Protein backbone atom coordinates (compact mmCIF):
# COMPACT_ATOMS: atom_id res chain seq x y z
CA MET A 1 3.17 18.81 2.70
CA THR A 2 0.35 21.22 2.48
CA LYS A 3 -3.15 20.04 1.92
CA GLU A 4 -2.94 21.44 -1.70
CA GLU A 5 0.39 19.82 -2.34
CA MET A 6 -1.27 16.33 -1.21
CA ILE A 7 -4.12 16.82 -3.40
CA GLU A 8 -2.13 17.45 -6.41
CA LEU A 9 0.11 14.44 -5.34
CA GLU A 10 -2.87 12.03 -4.93
CA GLU A 11 -5.15 13.48 -7.63
CA GLY A 12 -2.90 15.31 -10.20
CA ASN A 13 -2.05 14.41 -13.55
CA ARG A 14 1.96 15.15 -12.87
CA LEU A 15 4.47 12.50 -12.29
CA LYS A 16 6.11 13.14 -9.18
CA LEU A 17 8.00 9.88 -7.95
CA ASP A 18 9.63 9.84 -4.49
CA PHE A 19 12.85 8.25 -5.25
CA GLY A 20 14.32 9.20 -1.98
CA LYS A 21 11.35 7.57 -0.13
CA LEU A 22 13.38 4.23 0.43
CA ALA A 23 16.37 6.14 1.77
CA LYS A 24 14.31 7.89 4.47
CA VAL A 25 12.64 4.70 5.38
CA VAL A 26 15.74 2.81 6.01
CA ALA A 27 16.95 5.64 7.98
CA ARG A 28 14.02 5.72 10.50
CA CYS A 29 13.10 2.14 10.15
CA PRO A 30 16.18 -0.15 9.11
CA ASN A 31 14.64 -3.38 9.88
CA VAL A 32 11.65 -3.50 7.22
CA ILE A 33 11.08 -4.84 4.09
CA PRO A 34 8.59 -4.33 1.01
CA VAL A 35 5.39 -6.13 0.89
CA ALA A 36 3.46 -6.03 -2.43
CA VAL A 37 -0.29 -6.89 -1.61
CA GLN A 38 -2.29 -8.31 -4.28
CA ASN A 39 -5.99 -9.33 -4.06
CA ALA A 40 -6.20 -13.37 -4.01
CA ASP A 41 -9.21 -13.40 -6.30
CA THR A 42 -8.83 -10.53 -8.93
CA LYS A 43 -5.01 -10.65 -8.71
CA GLU A 44 -5.04 -6.88 -8.66
CA VAL A 45 -2.09 -5.00 -6.89
CA ILE A 46 -3.46 -3.24 -4.07
CA LEU A 47 -0.76 -1.38 -2.56
CA LEU A 48 2.89 -1.75 -1.52
CA ALA A 49 3.78 -1.46 2.37
CA TYR A 50 6.54 -2.42 4.70
CA THR A 51 6.76 -5.04 7.44
CA ASN A 52 9.17 -5.70 10.34
CA GLU A 53 9.38 -9.00 12.28
CA GLU A 54 6.97 -8.06 14.61
CA ALA A 55 4.33 -7.18 11.85
CA PHE A 56 5.16 -10.10 10.08
CA LYS A 57 4.87 -12.60 13.12
CA LYS A 58 1.34 -10.56 13.88
CA SER A 59 0.21 -11.23 10.31
CA ILE A 60 0.70 -15.03 10.65
CA GLU A 61 -0.87 -15.26 13.94
CA THR A 62 -4.01 -13.40 13.18
CA ARG A 63 -4.16 -14.04 9.53
CA ILE A 64 -4.80 -10.25 9.15
CA ALA A 65 -2.25 -8.33 6.91
CA THR A 66 -0.26 -6.16 9.35
CA PHE A 67 2.51 -3.82 8.37
CA TRP A 68 4.84 -1.38 9.77
CA SER A 69 4.11 2.08 9.22
CA THR A 70 7.09 3.97 8.04
CA SER A 71 5.57 7.24 8.54
CA ARG A 72 4.50 6.77 11.88
CA ASN A 73 6.91 4.21 12.97
CA GLU A 74 4.68 1.82 14.59
CA LEU A 75 2.67 -1.26 13.98
CA TRP A 76 -0.20 -0.85 11.33
CA ILE A 77 -2.99 -3.34 11.59
CA LYS A 78 -4.70 -2.58 8.24
CA GLY A 79 -8.51 -2.15 9.05
CA LYS A 80 -8.23 -1.74 12.79
CA THR A 81 -10.04 1.57 12.79
CA SER A 82 -12.43 1.28 9.76
CA GLY A 83 -12.88 -2.45 10.10
CA HIS A 84 -12.02 -2.67 6.25
CA TYR A 85 -9.17 -5.23 6.78
CA PHE A 86 -7.13 -7.82 4.80
CA GLU A 87 -7.62 -11.34 5.49
CA LEU A 88 -4.19 -13.01 4.65
CA VAL A 89 -4.51 -15.98 2.28
CA GLU A 90 -1.09 -16.65 1.39
CA ILE A 91 2.39 -15.17 1.57
CA ARG A 92 5.21 -15.56 -0.95
CA VAL A 93 8.91 -14.89 -0.44
CA ASN A 94 11.22 -13.76 -3.06
CA CYS A 95 14.44 -15.55 -4.11
CA GLU A 96 16.77 -13.43 -1.94
CA GLN A 97 14.26 -13.16 1.03
CA ASN A 98 14.28 -9.47 1.12
CA SER A 99 10.68 -8.88 -0.33
CA LEU A 100 7.18 -10.36 0.15
CA VAL A 101 3.85 -10.66 -1.65
CA TYR A 102 1.00 -11.05 0.52
CA PHE A 103 -2.12 -12.61 -0.97
CA VAL A 104 -5.36 -11.13 0.81
CA ARG A 105 -9.01 -10.87 0.37
CA PRO A 106 -10.12 -7.52 1.29
CA LYS A 107 -13.08 -7.37 3.87
CA GLY A 108 -15.31 -4.30 3.59
CA GLU A 109 -14.91 -1.78 0.63
CA ALA A 110 -11.88 0.67 1.90
CA ILE A 111 -8.60 -0.31 0.21
CA CYS A 112 -6.62 2.96 -0.05
CA HIS A 113 -7.29 6.05 1.90
CA THR A 114 -8.41 7.97 -1.41
CA ASN A 115 -11.91 7.79 -2.84
CA ASN A 116 -13.21 8.37 -6.28
CA ARG A 117 -15.54 11.22 -7.07
CA GLN A 118 -18.36 9.29 -5.95
CA GLY A 119 -16.81 8.72 -2.42
CA LYS A 120 -16.14 5.04 -3.24
CA PRO A 121 -12.79 3.68 -2.01
CA ARG A 122 -10.28 2.61 -4.72
CA ASN A 123 -7.11 0.55 -4.64
CA CYS A 124 -3.64 2.61 -4.44
CA TYR A 125 -2.87 2.14 -7.95
CA TYR A 126 -5.60 3.96 -9.71
CA ARG A 127 -3.57 6.05 -12.11
CA LYS A 128 -1.53 5.14 -15.04
CA LEU A 129 1.18 6.81 -16.70
CA ASP A 130 0.60 7.77 -20.68
CA LEU A 131 4.15 6.62 -21.94
CA ASP A 132 3.90 9.20 -24.70
CA SER A 133 2.89 12.34 -22.82
CA GLY A 134 4.44 11.30 -19.38
CA SER A 135 1.39 12.37 -17.53
CA LEU A 136 -1.03 10.45 -15.52
CA THR A 137 -4.68 9.31 -16.18
CA ASN A 138 -6.87 8.54 -13.40
CA THR A 139 -8.50 5.29 -14.15
CA ASN A 140 -11.04 5.45 -11.22
CA PRO A 141 -11.91 9.41 -10.84
């Protein structure tokens, strides 16, 4: 993906859902399950990530949310390079035991790799879909 395509995907107002992502993830990383990450204090949904057995055990051991990067196919310790990690407060398991919710307390400012126009970090769900027009509206430009 070019830089311009990435900017359009992350900042544009056109909906372009990647319905093939999960199939690609399963093909490259077959032993992962999705993890919804939610702020324990504000209840705001921060991101959706994936975990495998190694990342899951590391999260419990360190009490820092750790994931499996499906794009890099490696362990992803959120905040390892930035210092903006997620303190793990609670884990919930769904009825079929094939997805999780991590309740976390973000430590530091950065939550998402994107920033608003003021250069401030935001969570990953910063756009909402206008149900009438089908376009996206940035709630934290």
